[in-house]
Amino acid sequence: MKFSKKIKHEAVYWLIIGFKQLVQWLPFKLAKILGSFIATVGFYLISKNRKRTLTNLHNIYSAKLTLPETKSLALATYRHWAKCVIELLSIEKWTPAQFEKVIKIERREILDNLRKENQGLICVLAHYGNWELAGAYFAKVWKESINVVGNELYDKKVDRLLNDLRANIGLKILARGNALKSSLKAIKQKEVLAIMADYHGGGETINLPFLESTIDFPVAPLYLAYRSNVPVLPLFVVRQADDTHLLCFEKPLQKGIIPDGKADFEHFVGQFVALIEKYIRRAPTQWAWME
């Protein structure tokens, strides 16, 4: 790593440490206002991410939105993610009562029926809403053993900081070098394995219809779920206008009956992509357009 980049990463690390302490000291509402302000400043100052966000939105909504409308949607997206960061930096101190005040459950009976089967469970999530709240709620309120494999960040110290925070809220962080073996062990022990199913690690993809365009959707995250013998439960966390959240369970993904294995897998992935579409239409600012 170049010396200048190392210095930059070190500065970012300590900036996050300081910001975390500030967020936990400030009243929660004030912290979210501060986050929204920083997001607005970042939107206009950091051109690379802004251009990527606008390009992604334009590719989907060019026939429906004017340029000013697209910019407004992009800025609202930044502000949503700023709130997510504030919440993430705060939740390790939340009590179960605070979680239940902020999060409401939609279609919980789907989860309850699956857990009655006394077997492991795979929850698949997307970079939508504040997905971090889902695992924290499972662990803090329902006392479930939640196993996650975090996406590796650009800097090891920042990566460790994020994983330590997740561990502090009760999640089990699986080592990436042994993630497959650890994931299978968690399923065998009848625990919950949480997978970010839209994470693109540079591997194989499937091109599928997506909104008014198409998307190259990653294969690897969902392949383990597809090959498992346990239910695969889609889960989305939707921010509400008052900054509470709906934790929404969908029906388990089905493997289908198509004889051709490849086509069957594409059908399996397609179900999840269709759900992402559904939730983007419900609240477009809560999708990670900057990725």
Protein backbone atom coordinates (compact mmCIF):
# COMPACT_ATOMS: atom_id res chain seq x y z
CA MET A 1 0.00 0.00 0.00
CA LYS A 2 1.32 3.47 -0.88
CA PHE A 3 2.30 5.63 2.09
CA SER A 4 -0.23 8.38 1.20
CA LYS A 5 -3.06 5.84 0.99
CA LYS A 6 -2.00 4.31 4.32
CA ILE A 7 -2.13 7.75 5.95
CA LYS A 8 -5.56 8.34 4.40
CA HIS A 9 -6.91 5.02 5.70
CA GLU A 10 -5.49 5.71 9.16
CA ALA A 11 -7.18 9.11 9.20
CA VAL A 12 -10.50 7.58 8.15
CA TYR A 13 -10.20 4.97 10.90
CA TRP A 14 -9.70 7.55 13.65
CA LEU A 15 -12.39 9.76 12.16
CA ILE A 16 -14.84 6.86 12.47
CA ILE A 17 -13.75 6.23 16.07
CA GLY A 18 -14.31 9.86 16.96
CA PHE A 19 -17.60 10.07 15.09
CA LYS A 20 -18.86 6.93 16.82
CA GLN A 21 -18.15 8.46 20.23
CA LEU A 22 -19.88 11.69 19.18
CA VAL A 23 -22.94 9.82 17.91
CA GLN A 24 -23.25 7.83 21.13
CA TRP A 25 -22.93 11.02 23.18
CA LEU A 26 -25.45 13.12 21.25
CA PRO A 27 -29.22 12.72 21.59
CA PHE A 28 -30.28 10.24 18.90
CA LYS A 29 -32.48 12.72 16.97
CA LEU A 30 -29.71 15.30 16.90
CA ALA A 31 -27.21 12.68 15.71
CA LYS A 32 -29.47 11.84 12.76
CA ILE A 33 -29.76 15.53 11.84
CA LEU A 34 -25.97 15.77 11.91
CA GLY A 35 -25.73 12.65 9.72
CA SER A 36 -28.15 14.12 7.19
CA PHE A 37 -26.07 17.31 7.03
CA ILE A 38 -22.83 15.38 6.49
CA ALA A 39 -24.52 13.29 3.77
CA THR A 40 -25.58 16.45 1.94
CA VAL A 41 -22.08 17.90 2.09
CA GLY A 42 -20.58 14.59 0.95
CA PHE A 43 -23.02 14.35 -1.94
CA TYR A 44 -21.78 17.62 -3.40
CA LEU A 45 -18.10 17.27 -2.49
CA ILE A 46 -17.34 13.66 -3.48
CA SER A 47 -18.01 13.65 -7.20
CA LYS A 48 -17.02 10.04 -7.92
CA ASN A 49 -19.73 8.47 -5.75
CA ARG A 50 -22.28 11.11 -6.77
CA LYS A 51 -21.71 10.41 -10.46
CA ARG A 52 -21.98 6.64 -9.91
CA THR A 53 -25.27 7.10 -8.05
CA LEU A 54 -26.71 9.42 -10.70
CA THR A 55 -25.61 7.06 -13.48
CA ASN A 56 -27.27 4.05 -11.83
CA LEU A 57 -30.49 6.00 -11.26
CA HIS A 58 -30.43 7.35 -14.81
CA ASN A 59 -30.05 3.85 -16.25
CA ILE A 60 -33.26 2.81 -14.49
CA TYR A 61 -35.39 5.95 -14.37
CA SER A 62 -34.33 8.02 -17.40
CA ALA A 63 -37.75 7.60 -19.03
CA LYS A 64 -39.60 8.68 -15.89
CA LEU A 65 -37.50 11.30 -14.11
CA THR A 66 -36.00 14.62 -15.15
CA LEU A 67 -32.39 15.37 -14.22
CA PRO A 68 -33.42 17.55 -11.22
CA GLU A 69 -35.75 14.78 -10.03
CA THR A 70 -32.94 12.23 -10.37
CA LYS A 71 -30.60 14.46 -8.33
CA SER A 72 -33.27 14.86 -5.67
CA LEU A 73 -33.71 11.08 -5.47
CA ALA A 74 -29.93 10.59 -5.25
CA LEU A 75 -29.60 13.13 -2.42
CA ALA A 76 -32.47 11.50 -0.52
CA THR A 77 -30.65 8.18 -0.92
CA TYR A 78 -27.50 9.66 0.65
CA ARG A 79 -29.51 10.99 3.57
CA HIS A 80 -31.14 7.61 4.12
CA TRP A 81 -27.77 5.87 4.27
CA ALA A 82 -26.44 8.52 6.65
CA LYS A 83 -29.26 7.63 9.04
CA CYS A 84 -28.31 3.97 8.67
CA VAL A 85 -24.73 4.76 9.69
CA ILE A 86 -25.94 6.73 12.72
CA GLU A 87 -28.15 3.81 13.76
CA LEU A 88 -25.35 1.29 13.26
CA LEU A 89 -22.97 3.31 15.43
CA SER A 90 -25.63 3.58 18.13
CA ILE A 91 -27.26 0.16 18.36
CA GLU A 92 -24.66 -1.63 20.47
CA LYS A 93 -26.03 0.39 23.42
CA TRP A 94 -29.72 -0.15 22.61
CA THR A 95 -31.76 -2.23 25.02
CA PRO A 96 -34.27 -4.85 23.79
CA ALA A 97 -37.03 -2.36 24.70
CA GLN A 98 -35.46 0.28 22.44
CA PHE A 99 -35.28 -2.22 19.58
CA GLU A 100 -38.94 -3.08 19.98
CA LYS A 101 -39.83 0.60 19.99
CA VAL A 102 -38.00 1.24 16.73
CA ILE A 103 -38.72 -2.02 14.85
CA LYS A 104 -42.07 -3.57 14.01
CA ILE A 105 -42.51 -6.99 12.46
CA GLU A 106 -44.45 -7.77 9.29
CA ARG A 107 -45.55 -11.38 8.67
CA ARG A 108 -43.69 -12.81 11.66
CA GLU A 109 -45.76 -16.00 11.36
CA ILE A 110 -43.58 -17.00 8.39
CA LEU A 111 -40.50 -17.06 10.62
CA ASP A 112 -42.31 -18.70 13.53
CA ASN A 113 -43.57 -21.54 11.35
CA LEU A 114 -40.08 -22.17 9.97
CA ARG A 115 -38.44 -22.21 13.40
CA LYS A 116 -40.99 -24.77 14.57
CA GLU A 117 -39.45 -27.18 12.03
CA ASN A 118 -36.39 -27.42 14.34
CA GLN A 119 -33.75 -27.02 11.65
CA GLY A 120 -31.25 -24.44 10.45
CA LEU A 121 -32.36 -21.37 8.52
CA ILE A 122 -30.76 -19.15 5.89
CA CYS A 123 -31.91 -15.53 5.77
CA VAL A 124 -31.06 -13.73 2.53
CA LEU A 125 -30.87 -9.94 2.52
CA ALA A 126 -30.00 -7.19 0.07
CA HIS A 127 -28.28 -3.82 0.47
CA TYR A 128 -31.64 -2.21 1.08
CA GLY A 129 -32.99 -0.33 4.09
CA ASN A 130 -30.98 -0.74 7.27
CA TRP A 131 -30.28 -4.45 7.01
CA GLU A 132 -27.90 -4.30 10.00
CA LEU A 133 -30.92 -3.82 12.28
CA ALA A 134 -32.31 -7.22 11.32
CA GLY A 135 -29.43 -9.23 12.76
CA ALA A 136 -29.23 -6.99 15.83
CA TYR A 137 -32.96 -7.48 16.49
CA PHE A 138 -32.69 -11.27 16.09
CA ALA A 139 -29.80 -11.38 18.54
CA LYS A 140 -30.89 -8.79 21.12
CA VAL A 141 -34.65 -9.36 21.26
CA TRP A 142 -35.19 -12.95 20.10
CA LYS A 143 -31.87 -14.28 21.46
CA GLU A 144 -31.23 -16.13 18.19
CA SER A 145 -27.73 -17.21 17.16
CA ILE A 146 -27.10 -15.17 14.01
CA ASN A 147 -24.07 -16.09 11.91
CA VAL A 148 -22.80 -13.61 9.33
CA VAL A 149 -19.93 -13.36 6.88
CA GLY A 150 -19.14 -9.68 6.46
CA ASN A 151 -18.01 -8.24 3.14
CA GLU A 152 -14.33 -7.39 3.40
CA LEU A 153 -13.71 -3.65 3.45
CA TYR A 154 -10.88 -1.70 1.83
CA ASP A 155 -8.95 -1.33 5.11
CA LYS A 156 -8.29 -4.06 7.69
CA LYS A 157 -8.61 -1.77 10.71
CA VAL A 158 -11.94 -0.33 9.55
CA ASP A 159 -13.08 -3.85 8.68
CA ARG A 160 -12.18 -5.09 12.18
CA LEU A 161 -13.91 -2.08 13.73
CA LEU A 162 -17.17 -2.89 11.93
CA ASN A 163 -16.99 -6.60 12.80
CA ASP A 164 -16.26 -5.79 16.46
CA LEU A 165 -19.37 -3.60 16.51
CA ARG A 166 -21.43 -6.44 15.02
CA ALA A 167 -20.03 -8.86 17.58
CA ASN A 168 -20.93 -6.44 20.39
CA ILE A 169 -24.59 -6.57 19.37
CA GLY A 170 -24.59 -10.36 19.51
CA LEU A 171 -23.77 -11.50 15.98
CA LYS A 172 -21.40 -14.39 15.31
CA ILE A 173 -18.81 -13.26 12.76
CA LEU A 174 -17.60 -16.15 10.61
CA ALA A 175 -13.98 -16.04 9.49
CA ARG A 176 -13.87 -15.41 5.73
CA GLY A 177 -11.08 -17.88 5.10
CA ASN A 178 -13.21 -20.68 6.54
CA ALA A 179 -16.65 -19.22 5.77
CA LEU A 180 -18.09 -22.20 3.88
CA LYS A 181 -17.22 -24.74 6.57
CA SER A 182 -18.42 -22.38 9.34
CA SER A 183 -21.66 -21.66 7.48
CA LEU A 184 -22.44 -25.34 7.05
CA LYS A 185 -21.67 -25.94 10.72
CA ALA A 186 -24.06 -23.15 11.78
CA ILE A 187 -26.84 -24.62 9.64
CA LYS A 188 -26.20 -28.10 11.03
CA GLN A 189 -26.45 -26.70 14.56
CA LYS A 190 -29.92 -25.34 13.67
CA GLU A 191 -28.80 -21.73 13.86
CA VAL A 192 -29.54 -18.82 11.51
CA LEU A 193 -27.11 -17.94 8.73
CA ALA A 194 -27.53 -14.44 7.29
CA ILE A 195 -26.29 -13.86 3.72
CA MET A 196 -26.04 -10.58 1.82
CA ALA A 197 -27.29 -12.19 -1.36
CA ASP A 198 -26.61 -9.24 -3.69
CA TYR A 199 -22.92 -8.89 -2.79
CA HIS A 200 -20.84 -8.80 -5.97
CA GLY A 201 -17.39 -10.18 -5.24
CA GLY A 202 -16.29 -10.23 -8.86
CA GLY A 203 -17.38 -13.80 -9.61
CA GLU A 204 -19.97 -15.30 -11.94
CA THR A 205 -23.23 -13.45 -12.55
CA ILE A 206 -26.64 -14.06 -14.12
CA ASN A 207 -28.22 -11.37 -16.28
CA LEU A 208 -31.84 -10.91 -15.26
CA PRO A 209 -34.63 -8.38 -15.89
CA PHE A 210 -34.53 -5.62 -13.28
CA LEU A 211 -37.00 -2.74 -13.14
CA GLU A 212 -36.92 -1.11 -16.61
CA SER A 213 -33.49 -2.57 -17.42
CA THR A 214 -31.42 -5.67 -16.56
CA ILE A 215 -28.94 -6.50 -13.83
CA ASP A 216 -25.88 -8.77 -13.64
CA PHE A 217 -26.74 -10.48 -10.38
CA PRO A 218 -24.01 -12.34 -8.44
CA VAL A 219 -24.29 -16.12 -8.27
CA ALA A 220 -22.03 -17.10 -5.37
CA PRO A 221 -23.96 -15.74 -2.35
CA LEU A 222 -27.19 -17.54 -3.29
CA TYR A 223 -25.57 -20.76 -4.47
CA LEU A 224 -24.93 -22.01 -0.92
CA ALA A 225 -28.57 -21.26 -0.06
CA TYR A 226 -29.73 -23.06 -3.20
CA ARG A 227 -27.72 -26.19 -2.42
CA SER A 228 -28.69 -26.31 1.25
CA ASN A 229 -31.45 -28.47 2.66
CA VAL A 230 -32.90 -25.76 4.88
CA PRO A 231 -35.45 -23.00 4.17
CA VAL A 232 -34.17 -19.84 2.48
CA LEU A 233 -36.03 -16.87 3.93
CA PRO A 234 -35.90 -13.42 2.25
CA LEU A 235 -35.85 -10.56 4.73
CA PHE A 236 -36.06 -6.80 4.16
CA VAL A 237 -35.89 -3.88 6.58
CA VAL A 238 -37.91 -0.85 5.42
CA ARG A 239 -37.49 2.61 6.92
CA GLN A 240 -40.76 4.39 7.65
CA ALA A 241 -41.46 8.13 7.44
CA ASP A 242 -41.02 8.49 11.22
CA ASP A 243 -37.68 6.63 11.12
CA THR A 244 -39.07 3.49 12.67
CA HIS A 245 -38.52 0.29 10.65
CA LEU A 246 -40.58 -2.59 9.34
CA LEU A 247 -38.81 -5.95 9.43
CA CYS A 248 -40.55 -7.77 6.58
CA PHE A 249 -40.46 -11.53 6.03
CA GLU A 250 -41.28 -12.97 2.61
CA LYS A 251 -42.18 -16.54 1.72
CA PRO A 252 -39.15 -18.86 1.43
CA LEU A 253 -37.52 -19.05 -2.00
CA GLN A 254 -38.57 -22.10 -3.98
CA LYS A 255 -36.21 -24.27 -6.01
CA GLY A 256 -38.86 -25.06 -8.59
CA ILE A 257 -39.41 -28.20 -10.62
CA ILE A 258 -37.56 -27.35 -13.84
CA PRO A 259 -35.41 -30.40 -14.75
CA ASP A 260 -32.47 -28.34 -16.05
CA GLY A 261 -30.35 -27.50 -12.99
CA LYS A 262 -29.02 -24.21 -14.39
CA ALA A 263 -32.45 -22.97 -15.37
CA ASP A 264 -33.75 -24.01 -11.95
CA PHE A 265 -31.04 -21.99 -10.21
CA GLU A 266 -31.81 -18.97 -12.38
CA HIS A 267 -35.44 -19.27 -11.33
CA PHE A 268 -34.32 -19.41 -7.67
CA VAL A 269 -32.20 -16.25 -8.06
CA GLY A 270 -34.92 -14.56 -10.10
CA GLN A 271 -37.36 -14.83 -7.20
CA PHE A 272 -35.03 -12.84 -4.99
CA VAL A 273 -34.33 -10.23 -7.68
CA ALA A 274 -38.09 -9.80 -8.12
CA LEU A 275 -38.39 -9.14 -4.38
CA ILE A 276 -35.64 -6.50 -4.56
CA GLU A 277 -37.62 -4.84 -7.38
CA LYS A 278 -40.74 -4.93 -5.23
CA TYR A 279 -39.05 -3.15 -2.34
CA ILE A 280 -37.28 -0.60 -4.55
CA ARG A 281 -40.66 0.36 -6.00
CA ARG A 282 -41.91 0.67 -2.43
CA ALA A 283 -39.05 2.98 -1.34
CA PRO A 284 -36.43 3.70 -4.07
CA THR A 285 -34.18 5.80 -1.84
CA GLN A 286 -33.42 2.78 0.36
CA TRP A 287 -31.48 0.83 -2.28
CA ALA A 288 -27.67 1.21 -2.46
CA TRP A 289 -27.54 3.04 -5.78
CA MET A 290 -23.97 4.17 -5.12
CA GLU A 291 -22.60 0.62 -5.38
